[in-house]
N, C-alpha and C. Protein backbone atom coordinates (compact mmCIF):
# COMPACT_ATOMS: atom_id res chain seq x y z
N MET A 1 122.84 96.84 116.40
CA MET A 1 121.89 97.75 115.72
C MET A 1 121.21 98.64 116.76
N ALA A 2 121.26 99.95 116.52
CA ALA A 2 120.70 100.90 117.48
C ALA A 2 119.18 100.89 117.41
N LEU A 3 118.56 101.11 118.59
CA LEU A 3 117.11 101.15 118.64
C LEU A 3 116.58 102.40 117.94
N ILE A 4 117.30 103.50 118.05
CA ILE A 4 116.88 104.77 117.45
C ILE A 4 118.00 105.28 116.56
N ASP A 5 117.70 105.47 115.28
CA ASP A 5 118.68 106.03 114.35
C ASP A 5 118.50 107.54 114.33
N VAL A 6 119.37 108.24 115.07
CA VAL A 6 119.23 109.70 115.20
C VAL A 6 119.51 110.42 113.90
N ASN A 7 120.13 109.74 112.92
CA ASN A 7 120.44 110.38 111.65
C ASN A 7 119.34 110.17 110.61
N SER A 8 118.35 109.36 110.96
CA SER A 8 117.30 109.06 109.99
C SER A 8 116.33 110.23 109.85
N LYS A 9 115.72 110.28 108.69
CA LYS A 9 114.74 111.33 108.43
C LYS A 9 113.51 111.14 109.31
N ARG A 10 113.20 109.89 109.62
CA ARG A 10 112.04 109.61 110.46
C ARG A 10 112.21 110.20 111.86
N PHE A 11 113.44 110.06 112.42
CA PHE A 11 113.70 110.60 113.76
C PHE A 11 113.64 112.13 113.74
N LYS A 12 114.15 112.74 112.67
CA LYS A 12 114.11 114.20 112.58
C LYS A 12 112.67 114.71 112.47
N ASN A 13 111.85 114.00 111.69
CA ASN A 13 110.44 114.39 111.60
C ASN A 13 109.74 114.24 112.95
N PHE A 14 110.09 113.14 113.66
CA PHE A 14 109.50 112.91 114.98
C PHE A 14 109.87 114.04 115.94
N MET A 15 111.14 114.46 115.92
CA MET A 15 111.58 115.53 116.81
C MET A 15 110.90 116.85 116.47
N ALA A 16 110.71 117.10 115.17
CA ALA A 16 110.04 118.35 114.78
C ALA A 16 108.61 118.38 115.32
N LYS A 17 107.90 117.26 115.19
CA LYS A 17 106.53 117.19 115.71
C LYS A 17 106.52 117.24 117.23
N LEU A 18 107.53 116.60 117.87
CA LEU A 18 107.59 116.60 119.33
C LEU A 18 107.79 118.01 119.86
N TYR A 19 108.64 118.79 119.19
CA TYR A 19 108.84 120.17 119.62
C TYR A 19 107.53 120.97 119.53
N GLY A 20 106.82 120.82 118.40
CA GLY A 20 105.59 121.58 118.21
C GLY A 20 104.49 121.18 119.19
N TRP A 21 104.22 119.87 119.27
CA TRP A 21 103.17 119.39 120.17
C TRP A 21 103.52 119.65 121.64
N GLY A 22 104.78 119.40 121.97
CA GLY A 22 105.20 119.61 123.36
C GLY A 22 105.09 121.07 123.76
N ALA A 23 105.49 121.98 122.86
CA ALA A 23 105.38 123.41 123.17
C ALA A 23 103.92 123.80 123.39
N ALA A 24 103.00 123.22 122.59
CA ALA A 24 101.58 123.52 122.76
C ALA A 24 101.09 123.08 124.13
N VAL A 25 101.50 121.88 124.57
CA VAL A 25 101.07 121.38 125.88
C VAL A 25 101.64 122.25 127.00
N VAL A 26 102.91 122.64 126.88
CA VAL A 26 103.54 123.49 127.89
C VAL A 26 102.83 124.84 127.99
N ILE A 27 102.50 125.43 126.84
CA ILE A 27 101.81 126.72 126.84
C ILE A 27 100.43 126.60 127.47
N LEU A 28 99.72 125.50 127.17
CA LEU A 28 98.41 125.29 127.79
C LEU A 28 98.52 125.17 129.30
N GLY A 29 99.54 124.43 129.77
CA GLY A 29 99.73 124.31 131.22
C GLY A 29 100.01 125.65 131.87
N ALA A 30 100.85 126.47 131.22
CA ALA A 30 101.14 127.80 131.76
C ALA A 30 99.90 128.68 131.75
N MET A 31 99.09 128.58 130.68
CA MET A 31 97.87 129.40 130.60
C MET A 31 96.89 129.02 131.70
N PHE A 32 96.70 127.71 131.92
CA PHE A 32 95.80 127.27 133.00
C PHE A 32 96.27 127.79 134.34
N LYS A 33 97.59 127.79 134.56
CA LYS A 33 98.12 128.23 135.86
C LYS A 33 97.97 129.74 136.02
N ILE A 34 98.24 130.49 134.96
CA ILE A 34 98.18 131.96 135.04
C ILE A 34 96.75 132.43 135.25
N LEU A 35 95.80 131.80 134.55
CA LEU A 35 94.40 132.21 134.64
C LEU A 35 93.66 131.54 135.78
N HIS A 36 94.34 130.68 136.52
CA HIS A 36 93.73 129.97 137.66
C HIS A 36 92.49 129.20 137.24
N LEU A 37 92.60 128.51 136.11
CA LEU A 37 91.49 127.71 135.62
C LEU A 37 91.41 126.39 136.39
N PRO A 38 90.25 125.74 136.39
CA PRO A 38 90.14 124.43 137.06
C PRO A 38 91.11 123.42 136.47
N GLY A 39 91.81 122.67 137.33
CA GLY A 39 92.79 121.70 136.86
C GLY A 39 94.11 122.30 136.47
N ALA A 40 94.39 123.52 136.94
CA ALA A 40 95.63 124.21 136.55
C ALA A 40 96.86 123.45 137.04
N ASP A 41 96.79 122.90 138.25
CA ASP A 41 97.95 122.18 138.79
C ASP A 41 98.26 120.94 137.94
N TYR A 42 97.21 120.21 137.56
CA TYR A 42 97.43 119.01 136.74
C TYR A 42 97.99 119.39 135.37
N MET A 43 97.44 120.45 134.78
CA MET A 43 97.94 120.88 133.47
C MET A 43 99.39 121.34 133.55
N LEU A 44 99.75 122.00 134.65
CA LEU A 44 101.14 122.45 134.81
C LEU A 44 102.07 121.25 134.96
N VAL A 45 101.64 120.23 135.70
CA VAL A 45 102.47 119.02 135.84
C VAL A 45 102.64 118.34 134.49
N ILE A 46 101.53 118.25 133.72
CA ILE A 46 101.62 117.63 132.40
C ILE A 46 102.54 118.43 131.49
N GLY A 47 102.44 119.77 131.54
CA GLY A 47 103.29 120.61 130.69
C GLY A 47 104.76 120.47 131.03
N LEU A 48 105.09 120.50 132.33
CA LEU A 48 106.50 120.37 132.73
C LEU A 48 107.03 118.98 132.41
N THR A 49 106.19 117.95 132.56
CA THR A 49 106.62 116.59 132.21
C THR A 49 106.88 116.49 130.71
N THR A 50 106.02 117.10 129.92
CA THR A 50 106.23 117.10 128.47
C THR A 50 107.52 117.81 128.10
N GLU A 51 107.80 118.92 128.77
CA GLU A 51 109.04 119.64 128.50
C GLU A 51 110.25 118.80 128.87
N ALA A 52 110.17 118.05 129.98
CA ALA A 52 111.27 117.17 130.37
C ALA A 52 111.49 116.08 129.33
N VAL A 53 110.39 115.54 128.77
CA VAL A 53 110.51 114.51 127.73
C VAL A 53 111.17 115.09 126.49
N ILE A 54 110.79 116.33 126.15
CA ILE A 54 111.41 116.97 124.97
C ILE A 54 112.91 117.12 125.17
N PHE A 55 113.32 117.61 126.35
CA PHE A 55 114.75 117.74 126.62
C PHE A 55 115.46 116.38 126.58
N PHE A 56 114.76 115.35 127.05
CA PHE A 56 115.37 114.01 127.05
C PHE A 56 115.65 113.55 125.63
N PHE A 57 114.67 113.69 124.74
CA PHE A 57 114.86 113.25 123.36
C PHE A 57 115.82 114.16 122.60
N SER A 58 115.85 115.45 122.96
CA SER A 58 116.77 116.35 122.25
C SER A 58 118.23 116.02 122.53
N ALA A 59 118.48 115.29 123.62
CA ALA A 59 119.87 114.90 123.92
C ALA A 59 120.40 113.91 122.90
N PHE A 60 119.51 113.22 122.18
CA PHE A 60 119.94 112.24 121.18
C PHE A 60 120.14 112.86 119.81
N GLU A 61 119.78 114.14 119.64
CA GLU A 61 119.96 114.77 118.34
C GLU A 61 121.45 114.99 118.06
N LYS A 62 121.79 114.80 116.81
CA LYS A 62 123.18 114.97 116.40
C LYS A 62 123.48 116.45 116.20
N PRO A 63 124.58 116.96 116.77
CA PRO A 63 124.93 118.37 116.56
C PRO A 63 125.12 118.67 115.09
N SER A 64 124.71 119.88 114.69
CA SER A 64 124.87 120.27 113.29
C SER A 64 126.34 120.47 112.97
N GLU A 65 126.73 120.00 111.79
CA GLU A 65 128.13 120.10 111.37
C GLU A 65 128.40 121.49 110.82
N GLU A 66 129.58 122.02 111.15
CA GLU A 66 129.98 123.32 110.62
C GLU A 66 130.52 123.15 109.21
N VAL A 67 130.12 124.06 108.35
CA VAL A 67 130.55 124.01 106.95
C VAL A 67 131.97 124.52 106.83
N ASP A 68 132.79 123.80 106.10
CA ASP A 68 134.17 124.21 105.86
C ASP A 68 134.19 125.13 104.65
N TRP A 69 134.20 126.44 104.93
CA TRP A 69 134.16 127.41 103.84
C TRP A 69 135.47 127.47 103.05
N THR A 70 136.52 126.90 103.57
CA THR A 70 137.79 126.91 102.84
C THR A 70 137.71 126.06 101.59
N LEU A 71 136.73 125.14 101.54
CA LEU A 71 136.56 124.35 100.33
C LEU A 71 135.98 125.19 99.20
N VAL A 72 135.23 126.23 99.56
CA VAL A 72 134.65 127.11 98.55
C VAL A 72 135.53 128.33 98.31
N TYR A 73 136.08 128.88 99.42
CA TYR A 73 136.97 130.04 99.35
C TYR A 73 138.33 129.63 99.91
N PRO A 74 139.26 129.17 99.06
CA PRO A 74 140.58 128.72 99.56
C PRO A 74 141.35 129.82 100.27
N GLU A 75 141.07 131.08 99.95
CA GLU A 75 141.81 132.17 100.58
C GLU A 75 141.52 132.27 102.07
N LEU A 76 140.48 131.59 102.55
CA LEU A 76 140.14 131.62 103.97
C LEU A 76 140.97 130.65 104.79
N ALA A 77 141.75 129.83 104.13
CA ALA A 77 142.54 128.82 104.85
C ALA A 77 143.56 129.49 105.76
N GLY A 78 143.69 129.04 106.98
CA GLY A 78 144.64 129.57 107.94
C GLY A 78 144.12 130.72 108.75
N MET A 79 142.95 131.21 108.45
CA MET A 79 142.38 132.32 109.21
C MET A 79 141.57 131.78 110.38
N SER A 80 141.38 132.66 111.35
CA SER A 80 140.53 132.28 112.47
C SER A 80 139.07 132.29 112.04
N ASP A 81 138.23 131.77 112.88
CA ASP A 81 136.81 131.70 112.53
C ASP A 81 136.20 133.08 112.35
N ASP A 82 136.60 134.03 113.23
CA ASP A 82 136.05 135.38 113.13
C ASP A 82 136.49 136.06 111.85
N GLU A 83 137.80 135.91 111.53
CA GLU A 83 138.31 136.52 110.31
C GLU A 83 137.68 135.88 109.08
N ALA A 84 137.53 134.59 109.13
CA ALA A 84 136.93 133.89 107.99
C ALA A 84 135.49 134.33 107.79
N GLU A 85 134.77 134.44 108.88
CA GLU A 85 133.38 134.86 108.78
C GLU A 85 133.28 136.28 108.26
N PHE A 86 134.19 137.18 108.73
CA PHE A 86 134.18 138.56 108.28
C PHE A 86 134.51 138.64 106.80
N ASN A 87 135.53 137.94 106.37
CA ASN A 87 135.91 137.98 104.95
C ASN A 87 134.82 137.38 104.07
N SER A 88 134.21 136.30 104.57
CA SER A 88 133.14 135.69 103.80
C SER A 88 131.97 136.65 103.65
N SER A 89 131.62 137.32 104.74
CA SER A 89 130.52 138.27 104.68
C SER A 89 130.87 139.45 103.78
N TYR A 90 132.12 139.91 103.87
CA TYR A 90 132.56 141.03 103.03
C TYR A 90 132.52 140.64 101.56
N ASN A 91 132.99 139.44 101.27
CA ASN A 91 132.99 139.00 99.87
C ASN A 91 131.57 138.86 99.33
N ARG A 92 130.67 138.35 100.18
CA ARG A 92 129.28 138.23 99.73
C ARG A 92 128.67 139.60 99.49
N GLN A 93 128.99 140.55 100.38
CA GLN A 93 128.47 141.91 100.22
C GLN A 93 129.05 142.56 98.97
N LEU A 94 130.35 142.35 98.74
CA LEU A 94 131.00 142.92 97.56
C LEU A 94 130.41 142.32 96.30
N SER A 95 130.18 141.03 96.31
CA SER A 95 129.60 140.38 95.14
C SER A 95 128.20 140.90 94.87
N ALA A 96 127.43 141.08 95.92
CA ALA A 96 126.07 141.60 95.75
C ALA A 96 126.10 143.02 95.22
N THR A 97 127.06 143.84 95.70
CA THR A 97 127.18 145.22 95.21
C THR A 97 127.57 145.24 93.74
N GLN A 98 128.51 144.39 93.38
CA GLN A 98 128.92 144.32 91.98
C GLN A 98 127.78 143.85 91.09
N GLU A 99 127.03 142.89 91.57
CA GLU A 99 125.90 142.40 90.79
C GLU A 99 124.85 143.50 90.62
N LEU A 100 124.62 144.29 91.68
CA LEU A 100 123.67 145.39 91.59
C LEU A 100 124.14 146.45 90.61
N ASP A 101 125.44 146.77 90.64
CA ASP A 101 125.99 147.75 89.69
C ASP A 101 125.82 147.25 88.26
N ARG A 102 126.05 145.97 88.06
CA ARG A 102 125.91 145.41 86.72
C ARG A 102 124.46 145.49 86.24
N MET A 103 123.54 145.18 87.13
CA MET A 103 122.12 145.24 86.76
C MET A 103 121.68 146.66 86.45
N LEU A 104 122.16 147.63 87.24
CA LEU A 104 121.83 149.03 86.97
C LEU A 104 122.41 149.50 85.65
N GLU A 105 123.61 149.04 85.34
CA GLU A 105 124.25 149.44 84.09
C GLU A 105 123.51 148.85 82.90
N GLU A 106 123.10 147.59 83.01
CA GLU A 106 122.36 146.96 81.92
C GLU A 106 121.00 147.62 81.72
N ALA A 107 120.38 148.05 82.82
CA ALA A 107 119.08 148.71 82.72
C ALA A 107 119.21 150.18 82.35
N LYS A 108 120.44 150.68 82.18
CA LYS A 108 120.71 152.08 81.83
C LYS A 108 120.13 153.03 82.87
N ILE A 109 120.33 152.66 84.11
CA ILE A 109 119.90 153.51 85.22
C ILE A 109 121.12 154.23 85.78
N ASP A 110 121.22 155.54 85.52
CA ASP A 110 122.37 156.31 85.99
C ASP A 110 121.93 157.30 87.06
N GLY A 111 122.87 158.13 87.46
CA GLY A 111 122.59 159.11 88.51
C GLY A 111 121.52 160.11 88.10
N GLU A 112 121.52 160.51 86.82
CA GLU A 112 120.52 161.48 86.36
C GLU A 112 119.11 160.91 86.46
N LEU A 113 118.99 159.63 86.07
CA LEU A 113 117.68 159.00 86.16
C LEU A 113 117.22 158.86 87.61
N ILE A 114 118.17 158.56 88.50
CA ILE A 114 117.82 158.45 89.91
C ILE A 114 117.39 159.80 90.47
N ASP A 115 118.12 160.89 90.06
CA ASP A 115 117.72 162.23 90.49
C ASP A 115 116.33 162.59 89.98
N SER A 116 116.06 162.23 88.71
CA SER A 116 114.74 162.50 88.14
C SER A 116 113.66 161.73 88.90
N LEU A 117 114.01 160.49 89.26
CA LEU A 117 113.05 159.70 90.03
C LEU A 117 112.79 160.33 91.40
N GLY A 118 113.86 160.84 92.03
CA GLY A 118 113.69 161.51 93.32
C GLY A 118 112.83 162.75 93.21
N ASN A 119 113.05 163.54 92.14
CA ASN A 119 112.22 164.74 91.93
C ASN A 119 110.76 164.36 91.72
N GLY A 120 110.57 163.28 90.94
CA GLY A 120 109.20 162.82 90.72
C GLY A 120 108.52 162.39 92.00
N LEU A 121 109.27 161.71 92.85
CA LEU A 121 108.71 161.28 94.14
C LEU A 121 108.38 162.48 95.02
N ARG A 122 109.26 163.50 94.99
CA ARG A 122 108.98 164.70 95.77
C ARG A 122 107.73 165.41 95.26
N ARG A 123 107.60 165.50 93.93
CA ARG A 123 106.39 166.13 93.37
C ARG A 123 105.14 165.32 93.73
N PHE A 124 105.33 164.00 93.69
CA PHE A 124 104.20 163.14 94.08
C PHE A 124 103.82 163.37 95.54
N GLY A 125 104.84 163.55 96.40
CA GLY A 125 104.57 163.83 97.81
C GLY A 125 103.84 165.15 98.00
N ASP A 126 104.28 166.18 97.23
CA ASP A 126 103.60 167.48 97.32
C ASP A 126 102.14 167.36 96.85
N ALA A 127 101.95 166.64 95.75
CA ALA A 127 100.58 166.46 95.25
C ALA A 127 99.72 165.70 96.25
N ALA A 128 100.32 164.69 96.88
CA ALA A 128 99.57 163.93 97.89
C ALA A 128 99.21 164.81 99.08
N SER A 129 100.15 165.71 99.46
CA SER A 129 99.87 166.62 100.56
C SER A 129 98.72 167.57 100.21
N LYS A 130 98.75 168.09 98.98
CA LYS A 130 97.66 168.97 98.55
C LYS A 130 96.34 168.21 98.47
N LEU A 131 96.44 166.97 98.01
CA LEU A 131 95.22 166.16 97.94
C LEU A 131 94.65 165.92 99.33
N THR A 132 95.56 165.72 100.29
CA THR A 132 95.10 165.54 101.68
C THR A 132 94.40 166.80 102.18
N GLU A 133 95.01 167.98 101.87
CA GLU A 133 94.37 169.23 102.28
C GLU A 133 93.00 169.39 101.62
N THR A 134 92.92 169.02 100.32
CA THR A 134 91.64 169.11 99.62
C THR A 134 90.61 168.18 100.24
N SER A 135 91.07 166.97 100.59
CA SER A 135 90.16 166.00 101.21
C SER A 135 89.67 166.52 102.55
N GLU A 136 90.60 167.13 103.32
CA GLU A 136 90.19 167.69 104.62
C GLU A 136 89.19 168.82 104.43
N ALA A 137 89.43 169.67 103.40
CA ALA A 137 88.49 170.76 103.14
C ALA A 137 87.13 170.21 102.72
N ALA A 138 87.16 169.16 101.88
CA ALA A 138 85.90 168.55 101.46
C ALA A 138 85.16 167.95 102.65
N ALA A 139 85.93 167.32 103.54
CA ALA A 139 85.31 166.74 104.75
C ALA A 139 84.70 167.84 105.62
N ALA A 140 85.44 168.96 105.75
CA ALA A 140 84.91 170.07 106.55
C ALA A 140 83.65 170.65 105.91
N THR A 141 83.66 170.76 104.55
CA THR A 141 82.47 171.26 103.86
C THR A 141 81.29 170.33 104.06
N GLY A 142 81.57 169.02 103.98
CA GLY A 142 80.49 168.05 104.22
C GLY A 142 79.92 168.17 105.61
N ALA A 143 80.80 168.34 106.60
CA ALA A 143 80.32 168.50 107.99
C ALA A 143 79.49 169.77 108.13
N TYR A 144 79.95 170.85 107.45
CA TYR A 144 79.20 172.12 107.51
C TYR A 144 77.82 171.96 106.88
N ASN A 145 77.77 171.25 105.74
CA ASN A 145 76.49 171.02 105.09
C ASN A 145 75.56 170.18 105.98
N GLU A 146 76.13 169.21 106.67
CA GLU A 146 75.32 168.41 107.59
C GLU A 146 74.75 169.27 108.71
N GLN A 147 75.58 170.18 109.23
CA GLN A 147 75.10 171.09 110.27
C GLN A 147 73.99 172.00 109.75
N LEU A 148 74.15 172.49 108.50
CA LEU A 148 73.11 173.32 107.91
C LEU A 148 71.81 172.54 107.73
N SER A 149 71.95 171.29 107.26
CA SER A 149 70.76 170.46 107.09
C SER A 149 70.06 170.21 108.42
N LEU A 150 70.86 169.96 109.46
CA LEU A 150 70.28 169.74 110.79
C LEU A 150 69.59 171.01 111.29
N ALA A 151 70.23 172.17 111.07
CA ALA A 151 69.62 173.43 111.49
C ALA A 151 68.32 173.69 110.73
N SER A 152 68.30 173.34 109.43
CA SER A 152 67.09 173.53 108.63
C SER A 152 65.95 172.65 109.15
N LYS A 153 66.28 171.40 109.51
CA LYS A 153 65.26 170.51 110.07
C LYS A 153 64.73 171.05 111.40
N ASN A 154 65.63 171.58 112.20
CA ASN A 154 65.20 172.16 113.48
C ASN A 154 64.28 173.36 113.26
N MET A 155 64.62 174.19 112.27
CA MET A 155 63.77 175.35 111.97
C MET A 155 62.39 174.90 111.49
N GLU A 156 62.36 173.84 110.65
CA GLU A 156 61.07 173.32 110.19
C GLU A 156 60.23 172.83 111.37
N SER A 157 60.89 172.15 112.30
CA SER A 157 60.17 171.67 113.49
C SER A 157 59.63 172.83 114.30
N LEU A 158 60.46 173.89 114.47
CA LEU A 158 60.01 175.06 115.21
C LEU A 158 58.84 175.75 114.51
N ASN A 159 58.92 175.84 113.16
CA ASN A 159 57.82 176.47 112.42
C ASN A 159 56.53 175.68 112.57
N ALA A 160 56.65 174.34 112.50
CA ALA A 160 55.45 173.51 112.68
C ALA A 160 54.87 173.69 114.08
N LEU A 161 55.75 173.74 115.08
CA LEU A 161 55.28 173.95 116.45
C LEU A 161 54.63 175.32 116.61
N TYR A 162 55.22 176.33 115.96
CA TYR A 162 54.65 177.69 116.02
C TYR A 162 53.28 177.74 115.36
N ALA A 163 53.13 177.02 114.22
CA ALA A 163 51.84 176.99 113.53
C ALA A 163 50.78 176.32 114.39
N VAL A 164 51.16 175.22 115.04
CA VAL A 164 50.21 174.55 115.94
C VAL A 164 49.82 175.47 117.09
N GLN A 165 50.81 176.20 117.62
CA GLN A 165 50.53 177.12 118.72
C GLN A 165 49.59 178.25 118.27
N LEU A 166 49.82 178.76 117.05
CA LEU A 166 48.94 179.81 116.52
C LEU A 166 47.52 179.29 116.33
N GLU A 167 47.39 178.09 115.80
CA GLU A 167 46.07 177.51 115.59
C GLU A 167 45.35 177.32 116.92
N SER A 168 46.11 176.85 117.92
CA SER A 168 45.52 176.66 119.25
C SER A 168 45.08 178.00 119.84
N SER A 169 45.91 179.03 119.67
CA SER A 169 45.55 180.36 120.18
C SER A 169 44.31 180.90 119.48
N ALA A 170 44.22 180.68 118.15
CA ALA A 170 43.06 181.16 117.40
C ALA A 170 41.79 180.46 117.88
N ASN A 171 41.88 179.15 118.08
CA ASN A 171 40.72 178.42 118.59
C ASN A 171 40.31 178.91 119.98
N HIS A 172 41.32 179.21 120.80
CA HIS A 172 41.04 179.71 122.14
C HIS A 172 40.35 181.07 122.08
N MET A 173 40.84 181.94 121.19
CA MET A 173 40.23 183.26 121.04
C MET A 173 38.79 183.15 120.53
N GLU A 174 38.58 182.23 119.58
CA GLU A 174 37.23 182.04 119.05
C GLU A 174 36.28 181.56 120.14
N THR A 175 36.78 180.64 120.98
CA THR A 175 35.96 180.15 122.09
C THR A 175 35.62 181.28 123.06
N GLN A 176 36.62 182.12 123.35
CA GLN A 176 36.38 183.26 124.25
C GLN A 176 35.36 184.23 123.65
N ASN A 177 35.48 184.49 122.34
CA ASN A 177 34.52 185.40 121.70
C ASN A 177 33.10 184.85 121.77
N THR A 178 32.97 183.55 121.52
CA THR A 178 31.64 182.92 121.61
C THR A 178 31.08 183.04 123.02
N LEU A 179 31.95 182.80 124.00
CA LEU A 179 31.53 182.90 125.39
C LEU A 179 31.11 184.32 125.74
N MET A 180 31.86 185.31 125.25
CA MET A 180 31.52 186.71 125.53
C MET A 180 30.19 187.08 124.87
N GLU A 181 29.96 186.57 123.65
CA GLU A 181 28.69 186.85 122.99
C GLU A 181 27.52 186.28 123.79
N LYS A 182 27.69 185.05 124.27
CA LYS A 182 26.63 184.44 125.08
C LYS A 182 26.43 185.22 126.38
N LEU A 183 27.56 185.66 126.96
CA LEU A 183 27.46 186.43 128.20
C LEU A 183 26.74 187.76 127.97
N ASN A 184 27.07 188.44 126.86
CA ASN A 184 26.39 189.71 126.54
C ASN A 184 24.90 189.48 126.30
N SER A 185 24.63 188.38 125.59
CA SER A 185 23.22 188.06 125.35
C SER A 185 22.49 187.79 126.66
N SER A 186 23.18 187.10 127.57
CA SER A 186 22.57 186.81 128.87
C SER A 186 22.36 188.10 129.66
N ILE A 187 23.33 189.01 129.58
CA ILE A 187 23.19 190.30 130.28
C ILE A 187 22.02 191.09 129.71
N GLN A 188 21.89 191.09 128.37
CA GLN A 188 20.78 191.81 127.75
C GLN A 188 19.44 191.20 128.16
N GLY A 189 19.43 189.85 128.23
CA GLY A 189 18.20 189.19 128.68
C GLY A 189 17.87 189.56 130.12
N SER A 190 18.90 189.64 130.94
CA SER A 190 18.68 190.01 132.35
C SER A 190 18.15 191.43 132.46
N GLU A 191 18.69 192.34 131.65
CA GLU A 191 18.22 193.72 131.67
C GLU A 191 16.75 193.80 131.23
N LYS A 192 16.43 193.03 130.19
CA LYS A 192 15.03 193.03 129.73
C LYS A 192 14.09 192.48 130.79
N LEU A 193 14.56 191.40 131.46
CA LEU A 193 13.74 190.81 132.53
C LEU A 193 13.56 191.80 133.68
N SER A 194 14.65 192.52 133.99
CA SER A 194 14.57 193.51 135.06
C SER A 194 13.59 194.62 134.71
N THR A 195 13.60 195.04 133.44
CA THR A 195 12.67 196.09 133.00
C THR A 195 11.23 195.61 133.11
N GLU A 196 11.02 194.37 132.66
CA GLU A 196 9.66 193.83 132.72
C GLU A 196 9.19 193.68 134.17
N VAL A 197 10.10 193.24 135.06
CA VAL A 197 9.74 193.11 136.47
C VAL A 197 9.39 194.49 137.06
N SER A 198 10.18 195.52 136.70
CA SER A 198 9.90 196.88 137.18
C SER A 198 8.53 197.37 136.70
N SER A 199 8.27 197.05 135.43
CA SER A 199 6.96 197.44 134.89
C SER A 199 5.83 196.73 135.61
N LEU A 200 6.07 195.44 135.90
CA LEU A 200 5.05 194.67 136.61
C LEU A 200 4.83 195.22 138.02
N VAL A 201 5.90 195.59 138.68
CA VAL A 201 5.80 196.19 140.02
C VAL A 201 5.02 197.50 139.96
N THR A 202 5.31 198.30 138.95
CA THR A 202 4.60 199.58 138.80
C THR A 202 3.11 199.34 138.59
N ASN A 203 2.82 198.37 137.71
CA ASN A 203 1.41 198.05 137.45
C ASN A 203 0.72 197.55 138.71
N MET A 204 1.44 196.71 139.45
CA MET A 204 0.87 196.18 140.68
C MET A 204 0.63 197.31 141.69
N THR A 205 1.56 198.25 141.73
CA THR A 205 1.39 199.40 142.65
C THR A 205 0.15 200.21 142.27
N GLN A 206 0.03 200.46 140.97
CA GLN A 206 -1.14 201.21 140.50
C GLN A 206 -2.44 200.45 140.79
N LEU A 207 -2.34 199.13 140.54
CA LEU A 207 -3.53 198.31 140.78
C LEU A 207 -3.89 198.31 142.26
N ASN A 208 -2.87 198.25 143.12
CA ASN A 208 -3.13 198.31 144.56
C ASN A 208 -3.76 199.65 144.96
N SER A 209 -3.31 200.72 144.32
CA SER A 209 -3.88 202.06 144.62
C SER A 209 -5.36 202.11 144.25
N VAL A 210 -5.63 201.59 143.05
CA VAL A 210 -7.03 201.58 142.60
C VAL A 210 -7.88 200.71 143.51
N TYR A 211 -7.34 199.55 143.83
CA TYR A 211 -8.07 198.62 144.69
C TYR A 211 -8.27 199.23 146.09
N GLY A 212 -7.23 199.93 146.60
CA GLY A 212 -7.34 200.60 147.90
C GLY A 212 -8.42 201.69 147.88
N GLY A 213 -8.48 202.43 146.74
CA GLY A 213 -9.50 203.48 146.60
C GLY A 213 -10.90 202.89 146.60
N MET A 214 -11.05 201.77 145.91
CA MET A 214 -12.35 201.12 145.84
C MET A 214 -12.77 200.65 147.23
N LEU A 215 -11.84 200.08 147.99
CA LEU A 215 -12.17 199.62 149.33
C LEU A 215 -12.57 200.80 150.23
N SER A 216 -11.89 201.92 150.09
CA SER A 216 -12.21 203.11 150.89
C SER A 216 -13.61 203.61 150.57
N ALA A 217 -13.93 203.62 149.29
CA ALA A 217 -15.26 204.09 148.87
C ALA A 217 -16.35 203.18 149.40
N MET A 218 -16.09 201.89 149.36
CA MET A 218 -17.07 200.92 149.84
C MET A 218 -17.27 201.08 151.35
N ASN A 219 -16.23 201.34 152.08
CA ASN A 219 -16.34 201.53 153.52
C ASN A 219 -17.15 202.79 153.85
N VAL A 220 -17.00 203.85 153.09
CA VAL A 220 -17.72 205.10 153.32
C VAL A 220 -19.21 204.88 153.09
N ASN A 221 -19.52 204.16 152.01
CA ASN A 221 -20.92 203.91 151.69
C ASN A 221 -21.57 203.09 152.80
N ARG A 222 -20.91 202.16 153.35
CA ARG A 222 -21.45 201.34 154.42
C ARG A 222 -21.72 202.19 155.68
N SER A 223 -20.89 203.15 155.92
CA SER A 223 -21.05 203.99 157.12
C SER A 223 -22.30 204.83 156.99
N ASN A 224 -22.64 205.33 155.80
CA ASN A 224 -23.80 206.16 155.58
C ASN A 224 -25.07 205.29 155.59
């Protein structure tokens, strides 16, 4: 009794899982080595060892049996493998073509209907092309409207800035006018003060003259 029954379904399932799991380990080892990750050498050794184990177990797999097509197609008997394969493929293709012709005939699909279908597809293509052009035009119009909206917002911002500038200029002019009025008032006050000082000087001069005359008269009287 053999330890491993290579023809059993259990062994075939085991080999299928071994191929999948082993390939995953091998790929991980290669990835660690390529990316120079820590432990890359150990992973590469594990991957290569796993691959060796897979090859070892695959040696016990039974080769697949070739199907004898002469049992299905007796006319293939005596032909070489290439000729048999060619004839088999040709017969399958011919059968498929015949089946397709039969299905088209049952569905009442003839050359006229196929031509009509082709014309419909061409018209559909033309309509799709026009629709694409319309969509592009709509997209361009949308972009233009967005630019107009942006320009309008910029103009509003400029107008607001201009209004603020005008208000600031008006306030500045008002301040200057007030300052000029005060300056004019100060100048007028200075002129009035100057006039009063001149008048005071004149009065003082006259008073000095009178006082000088009185002193002269008093001196004359004393001499006599």
